[in-house]
N, C-alpha and C. Protein backbone atom coordinates (compact mmCIF):
# COMPACT_ATOMS: atom_id res chain seq x y z
N MET A 1 -22.01 31.77 64.88
CA MET A 1 -23.31 31.63 64.05
C MET A 1 -24.01 32.35 63.41
N GLN A 2 -24.06 33.58 64.35
CA GLN A 2 -24.78 34.86 63.81
C GLN A 2 -24.23 35.34 62.64
N GLY A 3 -23.09 35.37 62.34
CA GLY A 3 -22.23 35.99 61.09
C GLY A 3 -22.36 35.07 60.24
N ASP A 4 -22.56 33.94 60.36
CA ASP A 4 -22.50 32.91 59.13
C ASP A 4 -23.78 32.86 58.46
N CYS A 5 -24.97 33.26 59.12
CA CYS A 5 -26.37 33.15 58.63
C CYS A 5 -27.08 34.53 58.72
N SER A 6 -26.35 35.36 58.28
CA SER A 6 -26.92 36.86 58.36
C SER A 6 -28.14 37.01 57.43
N GLY A 7 -28.18 36.51 56.30
CA GLY A 7 -29.20 36.51 55.38
C GLY A 7 -30.15 35.45 55.35
N CYS A 8 -30.22 34.56 56.16
CA CYS A 8 -31.05 33.62 56.37
C CYS A 8 -32.31 33.53 56.10
N ALA A 9 -32.83 34.45 56.80
CA ALA A 9 -34.38 34.61 57.04
C ALA A 9 -35.06 35.06 55.73
N GLN A 10 -34.34 35.75 54.71
CA GLN A 10 -34.79 36.35 53.54
C GLN A 10 -34.89 35.27 52.44
N MET A 11 -33.73 34.25 52.72
CA MET A 11 -33.59 33.05 51.41
C MET A 11 -34.26 31.90 51.64
N PRO A 12 -35.01 31.41 50.81
CA PRO A 12 -35.81 30.14 50.73
C PRO A 12 -34.69 29.08 51.08
N VAL A 13 -35.42 27.77 51.48
CA VAL A 13 -34.81 26.74 51.92
C VAL A 13 -33.74 26.28 50.99
N ILE A 14 -34.36 25.96 49.60
CA ILE A 14 -33.56 25.55 48.59
C ILE A 14 -32.23 26.41 48.27
N ALA A 15 -32.48 27.70 48.06
CA ALA A 15 -31.23 28.36 47.88
C ALA A 15 -30.18 28.06 49.01
N LEU A 16 -30.31 27.99 50.36
CA LEU A 16 -29.52 27.65 51.32
C LEU A 16 -28.95 26.52 50.97
N ILE A 17 -29.39 25.35 50.74
CA ILE A 17 -28.95 23.97 50.40
C ILE A 17 -27.85 24.27 49.05
N GLU A 18 -28.37 25.05 48.17
CA GLU A 18 -27.48 25.26 47.15
C GLU A 18 -26.27 25.86 47.32
N ASN A 19 -26.30 27.06 48.21
CA ASN A 19 -24.99 27.78 48.68
C ASN A 19 -24.11 26.74 49.48
N ALA A 20 -24.78 25.98 50.28
CA ALA A 20 -23.99 25.08 51.06
C ALA A 20 -23.50 24.21 50.03
N SER A 21 -23.72 23.62 49.25
CA SER A 21 -23.14 22.70 48.46
C SER A 21 -21.77 23.28 47.51
N LYS A 22 -22.25 24.66 47.18
CA LYS A 22 -21.27 25.32 46.22
C LYS A 22 -19.81 25.59 47.12
N ARG A 23 -20.11 25.59 48.39
CA ARG A 23 -18.84 26.05 49.04
C ARG A 23 -17.95 24.80 49.37
N HIS A 24 -18.62 23.65 49.02
CA HIS A 24 -17.73 22.50 49.51
C HIS A 24 -17.43 21.70 48.15
N ILE A 25 -17.67 22.22 47.01
CA ILE A 25 -17.25 21.35 45.67
C ILE A 25 -15.90 22.04 45.21
N ALA A 26 -14.82 21.14 45.30
CA ALA A 26 -13.62 21.54 44.82
C ALA A 26 -13.09 22.88 45.38
N PRO A 27 -13.23 23.26 46.56
CA PRO A 27 -12.86 24.60 46.95
C PRO A 27 -11.44 25.02 46.85
N ALA A 28 -10.21 23.94 46.74
CA ALA A 28 -9.08 24.13 46.86
C ALA A 28 -8.57 24.44 45.23
N ILE A 29 -9.34 23.89 44.43
CA ILE A 29 -8.91 24.35 42.69
C ILE A 29 -9.48 25.56 42.19
N PRO A 30 -8.54 26.47 41.85
CA PRO A 30 -9.24 27.65 41.57
C PRO A 30 -9.89 27.63 39.92
N GLN A 31 -10.58 28.60 39.67
CA GLN A 31 -11.42 28.52 38.34
C GLN A 31 -10.39 28.53 37.25
N THR A 32 -9.42 29.54 37.36
CA THR A 32 -8.48 29.64 36.14
C THR A 32 -7.43 28.27 35.96
N LEU A 33 -7.18 27.55 37.24
CA LEU A 33 -6.50 26.47 36.72
C LEU A 33 -7.46 25.47 36.16
N LEU A 34 -8.54 25.35 36.36
CA LEU A 34 -9.55 24.38 35.72
C LEU A 34 -9.74 24.71 34.34
N LEU A 35 -9.98 26.01 34.07
CA LEU A 35 -9.79 26.45 32.51
C LEU A 35 -8.61 26.01 31.90
N SER A 36 -7.55 26.41 32.52
CA SER A 36 -6.19 25.92 31.97
C SER A 36 -6.14 24.34 31.67
N LEU A 37 -6.77 23.53 32.61
CA LEU A 37 -6.59 22.19 32.50
C LEU A 37 -7.64 21.81 31.46
N CYS A 38 -8.75 22.41 31.24
CA CYS A 38 -9.77 21.93 30.04
C CYS A 38 -9.16 22.45 28.92
N CYS A 39 -8.50 23.47 28.66
CA CYS A 39 -7.72 23.97 27.28
C CYS A 39 -6.65 23.11 27.20
N LEU A 40 -6.02 22.57 27.79
CA LEU A 40 -4.79 21.65 27.80
C LEU A 40 -5.55 20.14 27.45
N LEU A 41 -6.59 19.53 27.86
CA LEU A 41 -7.37 18.52 27.67
C LEU A 41 -7.66 18.66 25.89
N LEU A 42 -8.33 19.76 25.53
CA LEU A 42 -8.75 20.10 24.37
C LEU A 42 -7.72 20.04 23.28
N LEU A 43 -6.50 20.48 23.60
CA LEU A 43 -5.53 20.62 22.74
C LEU A 43 -4.87 19.38 22.61
N ILE A 44 -4.91 18.32 23.60
CA ILE A 44 -4.16 17.06 23.45
C ILE A 44 -5.47 16.31 22.50
N ILE A 45 -6.59 16.37 22.82
CA ILE A 45 -7.65 15.60 21.94
C ILE A 45 -7.32 16.20 20.45
N ILE A 46 -7.22 17.22 20.07
CA ILE A 46 -7.03 17.76 18.78
C ILE A 46 -5.74 17.33 18.27
N LEU A 47 -4.82 17.35 19.06
CA LEU A 47 -3.40 16.64 18.62
C LEU A 47 -3.64 15.12 18.18
N LEU A 48 -4.32 14.55 19.01
CA LEU A 48 -4.68 12.94 19.03
C LEU A 48 -5.48 12.93 17.51
N VAL A 49 -6.45 13.49 17.36
CA VAL A 49 -7.18 13.65 16.15
C VAL A 49 -6.23 13.75 14.93
N ILE A 50 -5.49 14.85 14.85
CA ILE A 50 -4.70 15.09 13.88
C ILE A 50 -3.65 13.76 13.78
N TRP A 51 -3.01 13.22 14.62
CA TRP A 51 -2.14 12.07 14.66
C TRP A 51 -3.15 10.85 13.97
N VAL A 52 -4.03 10.48 14.28
CA VAL A 52 -4.83 9.50 13.86
C VAL A 52 -5.21 9.74 12.16
N ILE A 53 -5.31 10.96 11.84
CA ILE A 53 -5.53 11.23 10.41
C ILE A 53 -4.15 10.81 9.70
N TYR A 54 -3.37 11.51 10.18
CA TYR A 54 -1.89 11.37 9.61
C TYR A 54 -1.41 9.99 9.43
N LEU A 55 -1.63 8.90 10.60
CA LEU A 55 -1.40 7.77 10.27
C LEU A 55 -2.21 7.02 9.37
N HIS A 56 -3.55 7.39 9.42
CA HIS A 56 -4.35 6.77 8.58
C HIS A 56 -4.01 6.96 7.09
N ARG A 57 -3.90 8.42 6.81
CA ARG A 57 -3.07 8.78 5.32
C ARG A 57 -1.78 8.00 4.98
N VAL A 58 -1.07 7.80 6.07
CA VAL A 58 0.57 7.35 5.59
C VAL A 58 0.45 5.74 5.33
N TYR A 59 -0.33 5.00 6.25
CA TYR A 59 -0.29 3.56 6.18
C TYR A 59 -1.42 3.04 5.44
N ARG A 60 -2.26 3.91 4.55
CA ARG A 60 -3.53 3.05 3.64
C ARG A 60 -2.71 2.57 2.50
N GLU A 61 -3.50 1.65 2.01
CA GLU A 61 -3.12 0.75 0.82
C GLU A 61 -3.36 1.90 -0.34
N PRO A 62 -2.19 1.95 -1.28
CA PRO A 62 -2.47 2.57 -2.28
C PRO A 62 -3.57 1.95 -3.44
N THR A 63 -4.18 2.88 -4.23
CA THR A 63 -5.18 2.34 -5.19
C THR A 63 -4.45 1.94 -6.28
N GLU A 64 -5.28 1.03 -7.09
CA GLU A 64 -4.86 0.52 -8.44
C GLU A 64 -4.02 1.39 -9.21
N ALA A 65 -5.12 2.62 -9.36
CA ALA A 65 -4.38 3.54 -10.24
C ALA A 65 -3.05 4.17 -9.93
N GLU A 66 -2.92 4.48 -8.51
CA GLU A 66 -1.65 4.79 -7.97
C GLU A 66 -0.48 3.55 -8.29
N LYS A 67 -0.88 2.63 -8.09
CA LYS A 67 0.00 1.54 -8.37
C LYS A 67 0.58 1.43 -9.68
N SER A 68 -0.30 1.68 -10.64
CA SER A 68 -0.22 1.53 -12.02
C SER A 68 0.78 2.85 -12.44
N ARG A 69 0.25 4.01 -12.10
CA ARG A 69 1.14 5.22 -12.27
C ARG A 69 2.71 5.08 -11.78
N ALA A 70 2.78 4.56 -10.70
CA ALA A 70 3.95 4.42 -9.86
C ALA A 70 4.96 3.56 -10.95
N PHE A 71 4.50 2.32 -11.22
CA PHE A 71 5.14 1.45 -12.07
C PHE A 71 5.61 1.85 -13.27
N HIS A 72 4.56 2.68 -14.08
CA HIS A 72 4.87 3.07 -15.57
C HIS A 72 5.81 4.42 -15.46
N ASP A 73 5.67 5.15 -14.13
CA ASP A 73 6.52 6.32 -14.32
C ASP A 73 7.96 6.02 -13.98
N GLN A 74 8.54 4.94 -13.76
CA GLN A 74 9.64 4.56 -13.41
C GLN A 74 10.55 4.47 -14.78
N PHE A 75 9.67 4.23 -15.84
CA PHE A 75 10.53 4.04 -17.13
C PHE A 75 10.49 5.34 -17.92
N ASP A 76 11.64 5.46 -18.49
CA ASP A 76 12.17 6.71 -18.92
C ASP A 76 11.31 7.25 -20.20
N GLN A 77 12.20 6.53 -21.49
CA GLN A 77 11.56 6.92 -22.74
C GLN A 77 11.45 5.41 -23.52
N PHE A 78 10.66 5.66 -24.43
CA PHE A 78 10.70 4.45 -25.39
C PHE A 78 11.37 4.51 -26.76
N LEU A 79 12.37 3.66 -27.06
CA LEU A 79 12.89 3.86 -28.28
C LEU A 79 12.05 3.07 -29.12
N SER A 80 11.56 3.83 -29.99
CA SER A 80 10.41 3.41 -31.23
C SER A 80 11.37 2.58 -32.17
N LYS A 81 12.59 2.92 -32.43
CA LYS A 81 13.45 2.13 -33.42
C LYS A 81 13.50 0.79 -33.25
N HIS A 82 13.80 0.38 -32.02
CA HIS A 82 13.87 -0.77 -31.42
C HIS A 82 12.98 -1.33 -30.74
N GLY A 83 11.80 -0.66 -30.31
CA GLY A 83 10.68 -1.06 -29.58
C GLY A 83 11.18 -1.56 -27.95
N VAL A 84 11.96 -0.71 -27.55
CA VAL A 84 12.28 -1.31 -26.11
C VAL A 84 12.21 0.02 -25.15
N TRP A 85 12.23 0.02 -23.87
CA TRP A 85 11.96 0.85 -22.70
C TRP A 85 13.39 1.26 -22.26
N THR A 86 13.78 2.46 -21.68
CA THR A 86 14.72 2.71 -20.99
C THR A 86 14.24 3.15 -19.60
N HIS A 87 14.90 2.92 -18.54
CA HIS A 87 14.56 2.99 -17.20
C HIS A 87 15.20 4.40 -16.61
N LYS A 88 14.61 5.12 -15.62
CA LYS A 88 15.21 6.28 -14.98
C LYS A 88 16.15 5.81 -14.28
N THR A 89 16.43 4.77 -13.49
CA THR A 89 17.40 4.61 -12.39
C THR A 89 18.17 3.54 -12.68
N LYS A 90 17.68 2.65 -13.79
CA LYS A 90 18.65 1.54 -14.21
C LYS A 90 19.19 1.52 -15.45
N SER A 91 20.34 0.93 -15.79
CA SER A 91 20.68 0.88 -16.87
C SER A 91 20.40 -0.32 -17.67
N GLY A 92 20.36 -0.22 -19.22
CA GLY A 92 19.98 -1.16 -19.86
C GLY A 92 18.65 -0.87 -20.43
N TYR A 93 17.99 -1.77 -21.03
CA TYR A 93 16.80 -1.81 -21.64
C TYR A 93 15.74 -2.68 -21.31
N PHE A 94 14.28 -2.19 -21.53
CA PHE A 94 13.35 -3.13 -20.69
C PHE A 94 12.37 -3.58 -21.55
N CYS A 95 11.88 -4.89 -21.46
CA CYS A 95 11.01 -5.32 -22.52
C CYS A 95 9.63 -4.80 -22.43
N PRO A 96 8.87 -4.56 -23.67
CA PRO A 96 7.97 -3.68 -23.78
C PRO A 96 6.53 -4.56 -23.42
N SER A 97 6.54 -5.92 -23.97
CA SER A 97 5.42 -6.87 -23.71
C SER A 97 5.35 -7.03 -22.03
N CYS A 98 6.60 -6.91 -21.51
CA CYS A 98 6.54 -7.49 -20.06
C CYS A 98 6.17 -6.26 -19.23
N LYS A 99 6.44 -5.04 -19.75
CA LYS A 99 6.01 -3.76 -18.91
C LYS A 99 4.49 -3.63 -19.20
N ALA A 100 4.01 -4.06 -20.10
CA ALA A 100 2.46 -4.19 -20.37
C ALA A 100 1.59 -4.90 -19.31
N ARG A 101 2.31 -6.04 -18.99
CA ARG A 101 1.83 -7.00 -17.94
C ARG A 101 2.34 -6.56 -16.51
N TYR A 102 3.04 -5.72 -16.39
CA TYR A 102 3.63 -5.01 -15.06
C TYR A 102 4.56 -5.84 -14.71
N PHE A 103 5.47 -6.39 -15.53
CA PHE A 103 6.93 -7.23 -15.14
C PHE A 103 7.81 -5.98 -15.67
N GLU A 104 9.01 -5.87 -14.85
CA GLU A 104 9.86 -5.42 -15.19
C GLU A 104 11.09 -6.30 -15.65
N SER A 105 11.14 -6.52 -16.73
CA SER A 105 12.08 -7.44 -17.21
C SER A 105 13.30 -6.66 -18.21
N GLN A 106 14.60 -6.59 -17.65
CA GLN A 106 15.70 -6.24 -18.46
C GLN A 106 15.91 -7.26 -19.65
N LEU A 107 16.29 -6.83 -20.71
CA LEU A 107 16.70 -7.55 -21.71
C LEU A 107 18.11 -7.99 -21.72
N VAL A 108 18.29 -9.16 -22.15
CA VAL A 108 19.62 -9.75 -22.40
C VAL A 108 20.07 -9.45 -23.76
N LEU A 109 21.24 -8.83 -23.56
CA LEU A 109 21.89 -8.34 -24.90
C LEU A 109 22.93 -9.55 -25.16
N HIS A 110 22.77 -9.91 -26.50
CA HIS A 110 23.72 -10.95 -27.05
C HIS A 110 24.02 -10.69 -28.29
N GLY A 111 25.34 -10.48 -28.41
CA GLY A 111 25.62 -9.61 -29.93
C GLY A 111 24.78 -8.90 -30.36
N SER A 112 24.39 -8.99 -31.55
CA SER A 112 23.54 -8.15 -32.26
C SER A 112 22.08 -8.05 -31.98
N THR A 113 21.66 -9.12 -30.98
CA THR A 113 20.27 -9.37 -30.57
C THR A 113 19.94 -9.03 -29.12
N ALA A 114 18.80 -8.62 -28.72
CA ALA A 114 18.36 -8.54 -27.60
C ALA A 114 16.91 -9.45 -27.33
N TYR A 115 17.01 -10.08 -26.29
CA TYR A 115 15.69 -10.86 -26.07
C TYR A 115 15.50 -10.76 -24.58
N CYS A 116 14.02 -11.20 -24.42
CA CYS A 116 13.43 -11.03 -23.08
C CYS A 116 13.82 -12.48 -22.29
N PRO A 117 14.22 -12.28 -21.02
CA PRO A 117 14.61 -13.64 -20.43
C PRO A 117 13.36 -14.41 -19.94
N ILE A 118 12.27 -13.81 -20.01
CA ILE A 118 11.01 -14.45 -19.48
C ILE A 118 10.52 -15.48 -20.39
N ASN A 119 10.30 -16.76 -20.23
CA ASN A 119 10.02 -17.88 -21.10
C ASN A 119 8.61 -17.65 -21.92
N GLU A 120 7.75 -17.10 -21.09
CA GLU A 120 6.35 -16.90 -22.04
C GLU A 120 6.23 -15.55 -22.68
N CYS A 121 7.48 -14.63 -22.83
CA CYS A 121 7.12 -13.38 -23.41
C CYS A 121 7.83 -13.73 -24.84
N HIS A 122 8.77 -14.35 -25.23
CA HIS A 122 9.32 -14.39 -26.44
C HIS A 122 9.78 -13.23 -27.36
N PHE A 123 10.17 -12.03 -26.65
CA PHE A 123 10.18 -10.75 -27.32
C PHE A 123 11.67 -10.82 -27.79
N GLY A 124 12.15 -10.30 -28.88
CA GLY A 124 13.29 -10.22 -29.35
C GLY A 124 13.40 -9.11 -30.35
N THR A 125 14.69 -8.23 -30.39
CA THR A 125 14.70 -7.38 -31.24
C THR A 125 16.38 -7.09 -31.35
N SER A 126 16.60 -6.26 -32.15
CA SER A 126 18.14 -5.91 -32.63
C SER A 126 18.72 -5.09 -31.20
N ASN A 127 20.08 -5.45 -30.97
CA ASN A 127 20.57 -4.67 -29.74
C ASN A 127 20.79 -3.28 -30.22
N PRO A 128 20.12 -2.44 -29.51
CA PRO A 128 20.48 -0.95 -29.62
C PRO A 128 21.78 -0.44 -29.50
N ASP A 129 22.94 -1.35 -28.61
CA ASP A 129 24.12 -0.84 -28.36
C ASP A 129 24.92 -1.56 -29.46
N HIS A 130 24.50 -2.40 -30.39
CA HIS A 130 25.45 -2.99 -31.01
C HIS A 130 26.02 -2.25 -32.17
N ILE A 131 27.25 -2.13 -32.36
CA ILE A 131 27.87 -1.46 -33.36
C ILE A 131 28.39 -2.54 -34.54
N ALA A 132 28.19 -2.60 -35.77
CA ALA A 132 28.74 -3.62 -36.63
C ALA A 132 30.13 -3.44 -36.75
N PRO A 133 30.91 -4.43 -36.90
CA PRO A 133 32.28 -4.17 -36.69
C PRO A 133 32.58 -3.81 -38.25
N PRO A 134 33.75 -3.26 -38.49
CA PRO A 134 33.86 -2.46 -39.71
C PRO A 134 34.30 -3.77 -40.70
N ARG A 135 33.97 -3.69 -41.96
CA ARG A 135 34.37 -4.76 -42.84
C ARG A 135 36.09 -4.71 -43.09
N PRO A 136 36.45 -5.87 -43.21
CA PRO A 136 37.94 -5.79 -43.64
C PRO A 136 38.02 -5.37 -45.16
N PRO A 137 39.05 -4.53 -45.00
CA PRO A 137 39.16 -4.25 -46.62
C PRO A 137 39.57 -5.11 -47.59
N LYS A 138 38.97 -5.00 -48.81
CA LYS A 138 39.21 -5.95 -49.85
C LYS A 138 40.53 -6.01 -50.37
N VAL A 139 41.22 -7.07 -50.47
CA VAL A 139 42.42 -7.35 -50.81
C VAL A 139 42.48 -7.62 -52.27
N LEU A 140 43.21 -6.49 -52.91
CA LEU A 140 43.71 -6.85 -54.42
C LEU A 140 44.91 -7.81 -54.79
N ILE A 141 44.70 -8.80 -55.57
CA ILE A 141 45.79 -9.43 -55.70
C ILE A 141 46.04 -9.36 -57.16
C-alpha cells in the first residue's frame, strides 16, 4: 500500500478521486486505437453524406425547362421548304405543329403528300422524298 499512495498526503481528496477514476476507464484500449476508430467513423460519415447527395441529384425530377430542352434537342433540322422536322436518331419527317405541343408524330408519306396521323392535327404538306415520274415522251404521228 505504501508504494501505491506515495504522494497522497500532498494531493487534495478530489484529485485522488479523479486519478482513481482515470485509471479504470477503458484501460485496455490504447489512445492511438481510439484516434484511429474516430477517424474511421468520421470518414464513414463523410462518405455517407456524399452518397446521399449523389442519390438526391441522380433521382430528382427534372424541371420543366430541362424536359422541354431534352424534347426539342432530339430533333435535328427544320426543312423550311416543306415545313417539317427531321429527327436525330429516327428516319422520316415529323410534324411541326405536334412538336409544338410536345408530341413526336412521324408524318405518313403517301404518294406526293405527307400528312400527320393524329386526328386533331390536320397537318399536310408535299412529300419531301417524292420524285415526280418523268413524263412520257410525246409521240408524233
